[in-house]
C-alpha cells in the first residue's frame, strides 16, 4: 500500500514521502554494493625488486667504478627527495645514501627512476650537512662521493598559505 496525497484544488495525485525514501534507499544500496564489489580481493603490494637497482650484468669484463653525479643542488630541512645520476657499463648492484639524522648515521636505498637517475627520500635536519653516496656495480667495483650541502630552512606552511591568499586577494582588487 503506497502512501499518496491528492491536492483537491489542482487535482494532482502524487506519491508520498515514503515512496521517495524507498527509491532513494534502494538506489543508494545498489550503488554501495556495486562499489564494494570492486574491493573484494585487495591487490598485492609491489614486489621489493620491481623498481630497485639493476640486476643484469651487461659487461662482465667491466673493471671501472660507477660514475656518480649528484643532481640535487639544494636540500631543505626535513624530508626531501635526493636525486643522483649513476652510470656504469655492467649495471648497479648497490646504491645508497648516508647522512646524519638526530646524531646517528642513516642509510637510504636508491630507487631507479629512469635511465641512469636514482632517487631516495632523506630527512636532513641542521646541523647535518654531509651526504655520502655509495654505488657498487655487478663486478664489485665501488665508488663513493661525499658532498656537503647548506641546509635551507624548511618552508613555513602557514606563511605559504597566507601568501597564497594574499596574492589572490591582491589580484582581485
N, C-alpha and C. Protein backbone atom coordinates (compact mmCIF):
# COMPACT_ATOMS: atom_id res chain seq x y z
N UNK A 1 0.85 -1.17 0.00
CA UNK A 1 0.00 0.00 0.00
C UNK A 1 0.89 1.23 0.00
N UNK A 2 0.80 2.00 -1.04
CA UNK A 2 1.60 3.21 -1.17
C UNK A 2 0.86 4.37 -0.56
N UNK A 3 1.64 5.24 0.03
CA UNK A 3 1.06 6.43 0.62
C UNK A 3 1.08 7.52 -0.44
N UNK A 4 -0.07 8.14 -0.65
CA UNK A 4 -0.16 9.19 -1.66
C UNK A 4 -1.02 10.31 -1.12
N UNK A 5 -0.86 11.46 -1.73
CA UNK A 5 -1.73 12.56 -1.34
C UNK A 5 -2.34 13.14 -2.61
N UNK A 6 -3.43 13.79 -2.42
CA UNK A 6 -4.12 14.38 -3.56
C UNK A 6 -4.47 15.80 -3.21
N UNK A 7 -4.12 16.68 -4.10
CA UNK A 7 -4.44 18.09 -3.92
C UNK A 7 -5.77 18.35 -4.62
N UNK A 8 -6.77 18.62 -3.84
CA UNK A 8 -8.11 18.76 -4.41
C UNK A 8 -8.26 20.04 -5.23
N UNK A 9 -7.45 21.04 -4.94
CA UNK A 9 -7.60 22.29 -5.68
C UNK A 9 -7.02 22.17 -7.09
N UNK A 10 -5.89 21.42 -7.24
CA UNK A 10 -5.27 21.29 -8.54
C UNK A 10 -5.56 19.96 -9.21
N UNK A 11 -6.07 19.01 -8.45
CA UNK A 11 -6.35 17.68 -8.99
C UNK A 11 -5.09 16.87 -9.24
N UNK A 12 -4.02 17.13 -8.44
CA UNK A 12 -2.74 16.44 -8.62
C UNK A 12 -2.70 15.24 -7.68
N UNK A 13 -2.30 14.10 -8.23
CA UNK A 13 -2.14 12.90 -7.43
C UNK A 13 -0.66 12.53 -7.48
N UNK A 14 0.05 12.54 -6.35
CA UNK A 14 1.49 12.28 -6.33
C UNK A 14 1.83 11.31 -5.21
N UNK A 15 2.89 10.51 -5.38
CA UNK A 15 3.29 9.59 -4.31
C UNK A 15 3.78 10.37 -3.09
N UNK A 16 3.61 9.78 -1.94
CA UNK A 16 4.02 10.43 -0.71
C UNK A 16 5.50 10.30 -0.45
N UNK A 17 5.93 10.82 0.67
CA UNK A 17 7.34 10.83 1.05
C UNK A 17 7.90 9.42 1.21
N UNK A 18 7.08 8.49 1.66
CA UNK A 18 7.54 7.12 1.90
C UNK A 18 8.09 6.45 0.65
N UNK A 19 7.42 6.65 -0.47
CA UNK A 19 7.88 6.03 -1.71
C UNK A 19 9.21 6.63 -2.17
N UNK A 20 9.42 7.93 -1.96
CA UNK A 20 10.68 8.57 -2.34
C UNK A 20 11.82 8.08 -1.47
N UNK A 21 11.57 7.87 -0.20
CA UNK A 21 12.59 7.32 0.70
C UNK A 21 12.96 5.92 0.25
N UNK A 22 11.94 5.12 -0.09
CA UNK A 22 12.19 3.75 -0.56
C UNK A 22 13.05 3.76 -1.83
N UNK A 23 12.73 4.63 -2.79
CA UNK A 23 13.50 4.71 -4.04
C UNK A 23 14.94 5.14 -3.75
N UNK A 24 15.13 6.12 -2.89
CA UNK A 24 16.47 6.61 -2.56
C UNK A 24 17.30 5.52 -1.88
N UNK A 25 16.72 4.84 -0.91
CA UNK A 25 17.46 3.80 -0.18
C UNK A 25 17.82 2.66 -1.11
N UNK A 26 16.92 2.27 -1.97
CA UNK A 26 17.19 1.18 -2.91
C UNK A 26 18.31 1.57 -3.88
N UNK A 27 18.23 2.74 -4.44
CA UNK A 27 19.25 3.19 -5.38
C UNK A 27 20.61 3.31 -4.69
N UNK A 28 20.65 3.88 -3.48
CA UNK A 28 21.90 4.03 -2.75
C UNK A 28 22.52 2.68 -2.41
N UNK A 29 21.69 1.72 -2.00
CA UNK A 29 22.23 0.40 -1.65
C UNK A 29 22.79 -0.31 -2.88
N UNK A 30 22.18 -0.13 -4.05
CA UNK A 30 22.72 -0.73 -5.26
C UNK A 30 24.07 -0.13 -5.62
N UNK A 31 24.21 1.18 -5.47
CA UNK A 31 25.49 1.83 -5.74
C UNK A 31 26.53 1.38 -4.73
N UNK A 32 26.16 1.28 -3.46
CA UNK A 32 27.10 0.87 -2.42
C UNK A 32 27.56 -0.57 -2.63
N UNK A 33 26.65 -1.46 -3.01
CA UNK A 33 27.02 -2.86 -3.24
C UNK A 33 27.93 -2.96 -4.45
N UNK A 34 27.64 -2.20 -5.48
CA UNK A 34 28.47 -2.21 -6.68
C UNK A 34 29.88 -1.69 -6.38
N UNK A 35 30.01 -0.63 -5.59
CA UNK A 35 31.31 -0.08 -5.23
C UNK A 35 32.09 -1.05 -4.35
N UNK A 36 31.42 -1.71 -3.43
CA UNK A 36 32.10 -2.62 -2.51
C UNK A 36 32.59 -3.86 -3.24
N UNK A 37 31.93 -4.28 -4.30
CA UNK A 37 32.34 -5.47 -5.03
C UNK A 37 33.71 -5.27 -5.67
N UNK A 38 34.11 -4.05 -5.93
CA UNK A 38 35.40 -3.80 -6.55
C UNK A 38 36.56 -4.05 -5.61
N UNK A 39 36.33 -4.11 -4.31
CA UNK A 39 37.40 -4.28 -3.33
C UNK A 39 37.33 -5.61 -2.61
N UNK A 40 36.69 -6.63 -3.20
CA UNK A 40 36.59 -7.91 -2.51
C UNK A 40 37.96 -8.52 -2.26
N UNK A 41 38.84 -8.49 -3.26
CA UNK A 41 40.18 -9.06 -3.10
C UNK A 41 41.18 -7.92 -3.27
N UNK A 42 41.91 -7.54 -2.22
CA UNK A 42 42.86 -6.43 -2.35
C UNK A 42 44.04 -6.83 -3.24
N UNK A 43 44.58 -5.83 -3.93
CA UNK A 43 45.74 -6.06 -4.78
C UNK A 43 46.98 -6.27 -3.92
N UNK A 44 47.87 -7.16 -4.32
CA UNK A 44 49.10 -7.35 -3.54
C UNK A 44 50.02 -6.15 -3.70
N UNK A 45 50.86 -5.88 -2.70
CA UNK A 45 51.80 -4.77 -2.83
C UNK A 45 52.83 -5.09 -3.90
N UNK A 46 53.50 -4.06 -4.44
CA UNK A 46 54.52 -4.33 -5.45
C UNK A 46 55.68 -5.12 -4.86
N UNK A 47 56.28 -5.94 -5.68
CA UNK A 47 57.38 -6.75 -5.19
C UNK A 47 58.57 -5.86 -4.87
N UNK A 48 59.40 -6.24 -3.90
CA UNK A 48 60.52 -5.38 -3.49
C UNK A 48 61.51 -5.13 -4.62
N UNK A 49 61.65 -6.04 -5.56
CA UNK A 49 62.63 -5.88 -6.61
C UNK A 49 62.09 -5.23 -7.86
N UNK A 50 60.87 -4.70 -7.83
CA UNK A 50 60.24 -4.20 -9.04
C UNK A 50 60.83 -2.89 -9.53
N UNK A 51 61.34 -2.05 -8.66
CA UNK A 51 61.83 -0.74 -9.10
C UNK A 51 63.16 -0.41 -8.43
N UNK A 52 63.91 -1.42 -8.10
CA UNK A 52 65.18 -1.17 -7.41
C UNK A 52 66.33 -1.20 -8.40
N UNK A 53 67.51 -1.41 -7.90
CA UNK A 53 68.75 -1.33 -8.67
C UNK A 53 68.79 -2.42 -9.75
N UNK A 54 69.54 -2.14 -10.84
CA UNK A 54 69.72 -3.11 -11.93
C UNK A 54 70.30 -4.40 -11.39
N UNK A 55 69.83 -5.52 -11.94
CA UNK A 55 70.37 -6.82 -11.53
C UNK A 55 70.99 -7.59 -12.69
N UNK A 56 71.02 -6.99 -13.87
CA UNK A 56 71.58 -7.68 -15.02
C UNK A 56 73.02 -7.22 -15.26
N UNK A 57 73.91 -8.17 -15.44
CA UNK A 57 75.31 -7.86 -15.70
C UNK A 57 75.48 -7.70 -17.21
N UNK A 58 75.62 -6.45 -17.64
CA UNK A 58 75.70 -6.15 -19.06
C UNK A 58 77.12 -6.25 -19.60
N UNK A 59 78.12 -6.07 -18.76
CA UNK A 59 79.51 -6.10 -19.20
C UNK A 59 80.34 -6.86 -18.17
N UNK A 60 80.52 -8.17 -18.35
CA UNK A 60 81.25 -8.96 -17.36
C UNK A 60 82.73 -8.58 -17.23
N UNK A 61 83.31 -7.92 -18.23
CA UNK A 61 84.73 -7.54 -18.18
C UNK A 61 84.94 -6.11 -17.68
N UNK A 62 83.90 -5.48 -17.16
CA UNK A 62 83.99 -4.10 -16.67
C UNK A 62 84.85 -4.04 -15.41
N UNK A 63 85.87 -3.17 -15.42
CA UNK A 63 86.70 -3.01 -14.22
C UNK A 63 86.75 -1.55 -13.77
N UNK A 64 85.80 -0.74 -14.25
CA UNK A 64 85.72 0.67 -13.85
C UNK A 64 84.61 0.86 -12.83
N UNK A 65 84.89 1.74 -11.88
CA UNK A 65 83.89 2.04 -10.85
C UNK A 65 82.73 2.85 -11.45
N UNK A 66 81.55 2.76 -10.86
CA UNK A 66 80.42 3.56 -11.36
C UNK A 66 80.73 5.06 -11.25
N UNK A 67 80.17 5.84 -12.16
CA UNK A 67 80.33 7.29 -12.15
C UNK A 67 79.11 7.89 -11.45
N UNK A 68 79.36 8.64 -10.37
CA UNK A 68 78.29 9.21 -9.55
C UNK A 68 78.26 10.71 -9.78
N UNK A 69 77.06 11.23 -10.11
CA UNK A 69 76.88 12.66 -10.32
C UNK A 69 75.62 13.11 -9.57
N UNK A 70 75.77 13.78 -8.42
CA UNK A 70 74.58 14.25 -7.70
C UNK A 70 73.81 15.28 -8.53
N UNK A 71 72.50 15.13 -8.62
CA UNK A 71 71.66 16.06 -9.36
C UNK A 71 70.98 17.06 -8.44
N UNK A 72 70.83 16.71 -7.17
CA UNK A 72 70.22 17.62 -6.20
C UNK A 72 71.19 18.73 -5.88
N UNK A 73 70.73 19.98 -6.02
CA UNK A 73 71.62 21.12 -5.79
C UNK A 73 71.40 21.77 -4.44
N UNK A 74 70.21 21.62 -3.87
CA UNK A 74 69.96 22.18 -2.54
C UNK A 74 69.04 21.24 -1.76
N UNK A 75 69.19 21.26 -0.45
CA UNK A 75 68.37 20.41 0.42
C UNK A 75 67.70 21.31 1.45
N UNK A 76 66.39 21.14 1.59
CA UNK A 76 65.65 21.88 2.62
C UNK A 76 65.55 21.00 3.85
N UNK A 77 65.51 21.64 5.00
CA UNK A 77 65.39 20.90 6.26
C UNK A 77 64.10 20.08 6.23
N UNK A 78 64.19 18.87 6.70
CA UNK A 78 63.04 17.97 6.68
C UNK A 78 63.20 16.96 5.56
N UNK A 79 62.09 16.37 5.17
CA UNK A 79 62.13 15.32 4.15
C UNK A 79 62.28 15.93 2.76
N UNK A 80 63.20 15.36 1.99
CA UNK A 80 63.46 15.81 0.63
C UNK A 80 63.77 14.60 -0.24
N UNK A 81 63.49 14.72 -1.52
CA UNK A 81 63.88 13.69 -2.48
C UNK A 81 65.25 14.06 -3.01
N UNK A 82 66.18 13.14 -2.86
CA UNK A 82 67.55 13.34 -3.31
C UNK A 82 67.74 12.55 -4.60
N UNK A 83 68.20 13.23 -5.66
CA UNK A 83 68.39 12.57 -6.96
C UNK A 83 69.86 12.56 -7.33
N UNK A 84 70.26 11.47 -7.97
CA UNK A 84 71.65 11.29 -8.37
C UNK A 84 71.68 10.48 -9.67
N UNK A 85 72.64 10.80 -10.51
CA UNK A 85 72.84 10.01 -11.75
C UNK A 85 74.03 9.09 -11.51
N UNK A 86 73.82 7.80 -11.70
CA UNK A 86 74.89 6.82 -11.55
C UNK A 86 74.94 6.00 -12.83
N UNK A 87 76.07 6.03 -13.49
CA UNK A 87 76.19 5.27 -14.73
C UNK A 87 77.33 4.27 -14.61
N UNK A 88 77.10 3.09 -15.18
CA UNK A 88 78.10 2.04 -15.17
C UNK A 88 77.78 1.07 -16.30
N UNK A 89 78.80 0.50 -16.90
CA UNK A 89 78.62 -0.42 -18.04
C UNK A 89 77.94 -1.73 -17.64
N UNK A 90 78.24 -2.22 -16.45
CA UNK A 90 77.75 -3.55 -16.07
C UNK A 90 76.46 -3.52 -15.25
N UNK A 91 75.94 -2.35 -14.93
CA UNK A 91 74.72 -2.28 -14.12
C UNK A 91 75.04 -2.23 -12.65
N UNK A 92 74.17 -1.63 -11.87
CA UNK A 92 74.43 -1.45 -10.44
C UNK A 92 73.96 -2.63 -9.61
N UNK A 93 74.74 -2.94 -8.61
CA UNK A 93 74.39 -3.95 -7.62
C UNK A 93 73.85 -3.28 -6.36
N UNK A 94 74.42 -2.10 -6.01
CA UNK A 94 74.06 -1.42 -4.78
C UNK A 94 74.11 0.09 -5.00
N UNK A 95 73.14 0.79 -4.47
CA UNK A 95 73.14 2.24 -4.48
C UNK A 95 72.48 2.72 -3.21
N UNK A 96 73.20 3.56 -2.46
CA UNK A 96 72.64 4.04 -1.20
C UNK A 96 73.20 5.41 -0.84
N UNK A 97 72.46 6.09 0.03
CA UNK A 97 72.85 7.41 0.52
C UNK A 97 72.94 7.33 2.03
N UNK A 98 73.98 7.95 2.59
CA UNK A 98 74.15 8.01 4.04
C UNK A 98 74.18 9.47 4.47
N UNK A 99 73.55 9.75 5.59
CA UNK A 99 73.54 11.10 6.15
C UNK A 99 73.28 10.98 7.65
N UNK A 100 73.47 12.08 8.37
CA UNK A 100 73.26 12.07 9.82
C UNK A 100 71.90 12.65 10.14
N UNK A 101 71.14 11.93 10.96
CA UNK A 101 69.83 12.38 11.41
C UNK A 101 69.72 12.11 12.91
N UNK A 102 69.50 13.14 13.68
CA UNK A 102 69.39 13.03 15.15
C UNK A 102 70.61 12.35 15.76
N UNK A 103 71.80 12.67 15.27
CA UNK A 103 73.03 12.17 15.85
C UNK A 103 73.41 10.76 15.44
N UNK A 104 72.69 10.14 14.54
CA UNK A 104 73.06 8.79 14.10
C UNK A 104 73.10 8.75 12.57
N UNK A 105 73.89 7.85 12.05
CA UNK A 105 74.02 7.71 10.59
C UNK A 105 72.84 6.90 10.07
N UNK A 106 72.17 7.46 9.07
CA UNK A 106 71.00 6.81 8.46
C UNK A 106 71.36 6.46 7.02
N UNK A 107 70.95 5.27 6.58
CA UNK A 107 71.19 4.83 5.21
C UNK A 107 69.85 4.73 4.49
N UNK A 108 69.77 5.32 3.30
CA UNK A 108 68.57 5.23 2.46
C UNK A 108 68.95 4.58 1.14
N UNK A 109 68.19 3.58 0.73
CA UNK A 109 68.45 2.91 -0.54
C UNK A 109 68.00 3.77 -1.71
N UNK A 110 68.75 3.71 -2.78
CA UNK A 110 68.39 4.41 -4.01
C UNK A 110 67.42 3.55 -4.82
N UNK A 111 66.45 4.20 -5.44
CA UNK A 111 65.47 3.53 -6.29
C UNK A 111 65.60 4.11 -7.68
N UNK A 112 65.59 3.24 -8.67
CA UNK A 112 65.76 3.70 -10.05
C UNK A 112 64.52 4.47 -10.50
N UNK A 113 64.76 5.66 -11.05
CA UNK A 113 63.67 6.49 -11.55
C UNK A 113 63.54 6.28 -13.06
N UNK A 114 64.52 6.67 -13.81
CA UNK A 114 64.55 6.46 -15.25
C UNK A 114 65.99 6.58 -15.74
N UNK A 115 66.29 5.88 -16.82
CA UNK A 115 67.63 5.87 -17.38
C UNK A 115 68.66 5.61 -16.28
N UNK A 116 69.59 6.52 -16.05
CA UNK A 116 70.61 6.34 -15.01
C UNK A 116 70.32 7.19 -13.78
N UNK A 117 69.11 7.68 -13.62
CA UNK A 117 68.76 8.55 -12.49
C UNK A 117 68.14 7.71 -11.38
N UNK A 118 68.63 7.93 -10.17
CA UNK A 118 68.14 7.23 -8.99
C UNK A 118 67.72 8.27 -7.95
N UNK A 119 66.82 7.87 -7.06
CA UNK A 119 66.34 8.80 -6.03
C UNK A 119 66.15 8.08 -4.71
N UNK A 120 66.16 8.90 -3.65
CA UNK A 120 65.93 8.39 -2.30
C UNK A 120 65.27 9.49 -1.49
N UNK A 121 64.45 9.10 -0.54
CA UNK A 121 63.83 10.05 0.38
C UNK A 121 64.73 10.18 1.60
N UNK A 122 65.19 11.40 1.86
CA UNK A 122 66.06 11.63 3.01
C UNK A 122 65.41 12.65 3.93
N UNK A 123 65.80 12.62 5.19
CA UNK A 123 65.26 13.53 6.21
C UNK A 123 66.44 14.18 6.92
N UNK A 124 66.87 15.33 6.40
CA UNK A 124 68.06 16.01 6.91
C UNK A 124 67.63 17.21 7.74
N UNK A 125 68.23 17.35 8.91
CA UNK A 125 67.98 18.48 9.80
C UNK A 125 69.32 19.14 10.13
N UNK A 126 69.36 20.47 10.20
CA UNK A 126 70.61 21.12 10.61
C UNK A 126 71.01 20.62 11.99
N UNK A 127 72.25 20.49 12.30
CA UNK A 127 73.45 20.94 11.61
C UNK A 127 74.00 19.93 10.60
N UNK A 128 73.29 18.84 10.32
CA UNK A 128 73.78 17.87 9.34
C UNK A 128 73.94 18.55 7.98
N UNK A 129 75.07 18.28 7.31
CA UNK A 129 75.35 18.94 6.03
C UNK A 129 75.94 18.00 4.99
N UNK A 130 76.40 16.86 5.40
CA UNK A 130 77.16 15.99 4.51
C UNK A 130 76.31 14.79 4.09
N UNK A 131 76.35 14.51 2.77
CA UNK A 131 75.66 13.36 2.20
C UNK A 131 76.71 12.49 1.52
N UNK A 132 76.69 11.19 1.80
CA UNK A 132 77.62 10.24 1.21
C UNK A 132 76.83 9.32 0.28
N UNK A 133 77.26 9.24 -0.97
CA UNK A 133 76.59 8.40 -1.96
C UNK A 133 77.52 7.24 -2.30
N UNK A 134 77.03 6.02 -2.11
CA UNK A 134 77.80 4.81 -2.42
C UNK A 134 77.14 4.08 -3.57
N UNK A 135 77.96 3.53 -4.46
CA UNK A 135 77.47 2.72 -5.57
C UNK A 135 78.46 1.60 -5.84
N UNK A 136 77.91 0.42 -6.11
CA UNK A 136 78.75 -0.73 -6.46
C UNK A 136 78.11 -1.41 -7.67
N UNK A 137 78.95 -1.84 -8.62
CA UNK A 137 78.41 -2.49 -9.81
C UNK A 137 78.42 -4.01 -9.65
N UNK A 138 77.97 -4.70 -10.70
CA UNK A 138 77.85 -6.15 -10.68
C UNK A 138 79.21 -6.86 -10.55
N UNK A 139 80.28 -6.18 -10.93
CA UNK A 139 81.61 -6.80 -10.89
C UNK A 139 82.39 -6.45 -9.62
N UNK A 140 81.76 -5.77 -8.68
CA UNK A 140 82.42 -5.46 -7.42
C UNK A 140 83.16 -4.13 -7.41
N UNK A 141 83.08 -3.35 -8.45
CA UNK A 141 83.71 -2.03 -8.48
C UNK A 141 82.86 -1.07 -7.66
N UNK A 142 83.52 -0.31 -6.79
CA UNK A 142 82.81 0.56 -5.84
C UNK A 142 83.23 2.01 -6.04
N UNK A 143 82.25 2.90 -5.90
CA UNK A 143 82.52 4.34 -5.96
C UNK A 143 81.79 5.02 -4.81
N UNK A 144 82.40 6.08 -4.29
CA UNK A 144 81.80 6.86 -3.21
C UNK A 144 82.03 8.34 -3.51
N UNK A 145 80.96 9.12 -3.31
CA UNK A 145 81.05 10.57 -3.46
C UNK A 145 80.53 11.19 -2.17
N UNK A 146 81.30 12.14 -1.64
CA UNK A 146 80.91 12.87 -0.44
C UNK A 146 80.62 14.30 -0.87
N UNK A 147 79.43 14.79 -0.53
CA UNK A 147 79.06 16.15 -0.92
C UNK A 147 78.51 16.88 0.29
N UNK A 148 78.92 18.14 0.42
CA UNK A 148 78.45 18.98 1.52
C UNK A 148 77.41 19.97 0.98
N UNK A 149 76.31 20.09 1.69
CA UNK A 149 75.22 20.99 1.30
C UNK A 149 74.97 21.98 2.42
N UNK A 150 74.50 23.17 2.05
CA UNK A 150 73.98 24.08 3.06
C UNK A 150 72.48 23.78 3.15
N UNK A 151 72.04 23.47 4.34
CA UNK A 151 70.65 23.06 4.54
C UNK A 151 69.78 24.31 4.66
N UNK A 152 68.83 24.45 3.75
CA UNK A 152 67.92 25.59 3.77
C UNK A 152 66.82 25.36 4.80
N UNK A 153 66.33 26.42 5.41
CA UNK A 153 65.24 26.23 6.38
C UNK A 153 64.00 25.69 5.69
N UNK A 154 63.25 24.89 6.42
CA UNK A 154 62.01 24.33 5.84
C UNK A 154 60.99 25.45 5.67
N UNK A 155 60.17 25.35 4.63
CA UNK A 155 59.18 26.41 4.40
C UNK A 155 58.11 26.41 5.49
N UNK A 156 57.68 27.61 5.87
CA UNK A 156 56.62 27.76 6.86
C UNK A 156 55.28 27.59 6.16
N UNK A 157 54.54 26.56 6.51
CA UNK A 157 53.28 26.25 5.83
C UNK A 157 52.27 27.38 6.03
N UNK A 158 52.16 27.89 7.23
CA UNK A 158 51.18 28.95 7.49
C UNK A 158 51.52 30.21 6.69
N UNK A 159 52.80 30.53 6.59
CA UNK A 159 53.21 31.69 5.82
C UNK A 159 52.92 31.48 4.33
N UNK A 160 53.10 30.26 3.86
CA UNK A 160 52.79 29.94 2.47
C UNK A 160 51.30 30.09 2.16
N UNK A 161 50.45 29.64 3.08
CA UNK A 161 49.01 29.79 2.90
C UNK A 161 48.62 31.26 2.92
N UNK A 162 49.22 32.02 3.84
CA UNK A 162 48.94 33.45 3.92
C UNK A 162 49.35 34.16 2.63
N UNK A 163 50.52 33.82 2.10
CA UNK A 163 50.98 34.43 0.85
C UNK A 163 50.07 34.06 -0.31
N UNK A 164 49.59 32.81 -0.34
CA UNK A 164 48.70 32.37 -1.40
C UNK A 164 47.42 33.19 -1.42
N UNK A 165 46.77 33.32 -0.25
CA UNK A 165 45.52 34.08 -0.19
C UNK A 165 45.76 35.57 -0.40
N UNK A 166 46.89 36.07 0.03
CA UNK A 166 47.21 37.48 -0.21
C UNK A 166 47.36 37.76 -1.71
N UNK A 167 47.97 36.83 -2.41
CA UNK A 167 48.14 37.01 -3.85
C UNK A 167 46.80 36.95 -4.57
N UNK A 168 45.89 36.11 -4.11
CA UNK A 168 44.55 36.04 -4.72
C UNK A 168 43.77 37.33 -4.45
N UNK A 169 43.82 37.78 -3.23
CA UNK A 169 43.09 39.00 -2.87
C UNK A 169 43.69 40.20 -3.59
N UNK A 170 45.03 40.22 -3.70
CA UNK A 170 45.71 41.32 -4.38
C UNK A 170 45.35 41.39 -5.87
N UNK A 171 45.16 40.24 -6.52
CA UNK A 171 44.82 40.21 -7.94
C UNK A 171 43.38 40.64 -8.18
N UNK A 172 42.49 40.38 -7.21
CA UNK A 172 41.08 40.69 -7.41
C UNK A 172 40.78 42.16 -7.16
N UNK A 173 41.67 42.89 -6.53
CA UNK A 173 41.40 44.31 -6.23
C UNK A 173 41.87 45.21 -7.31
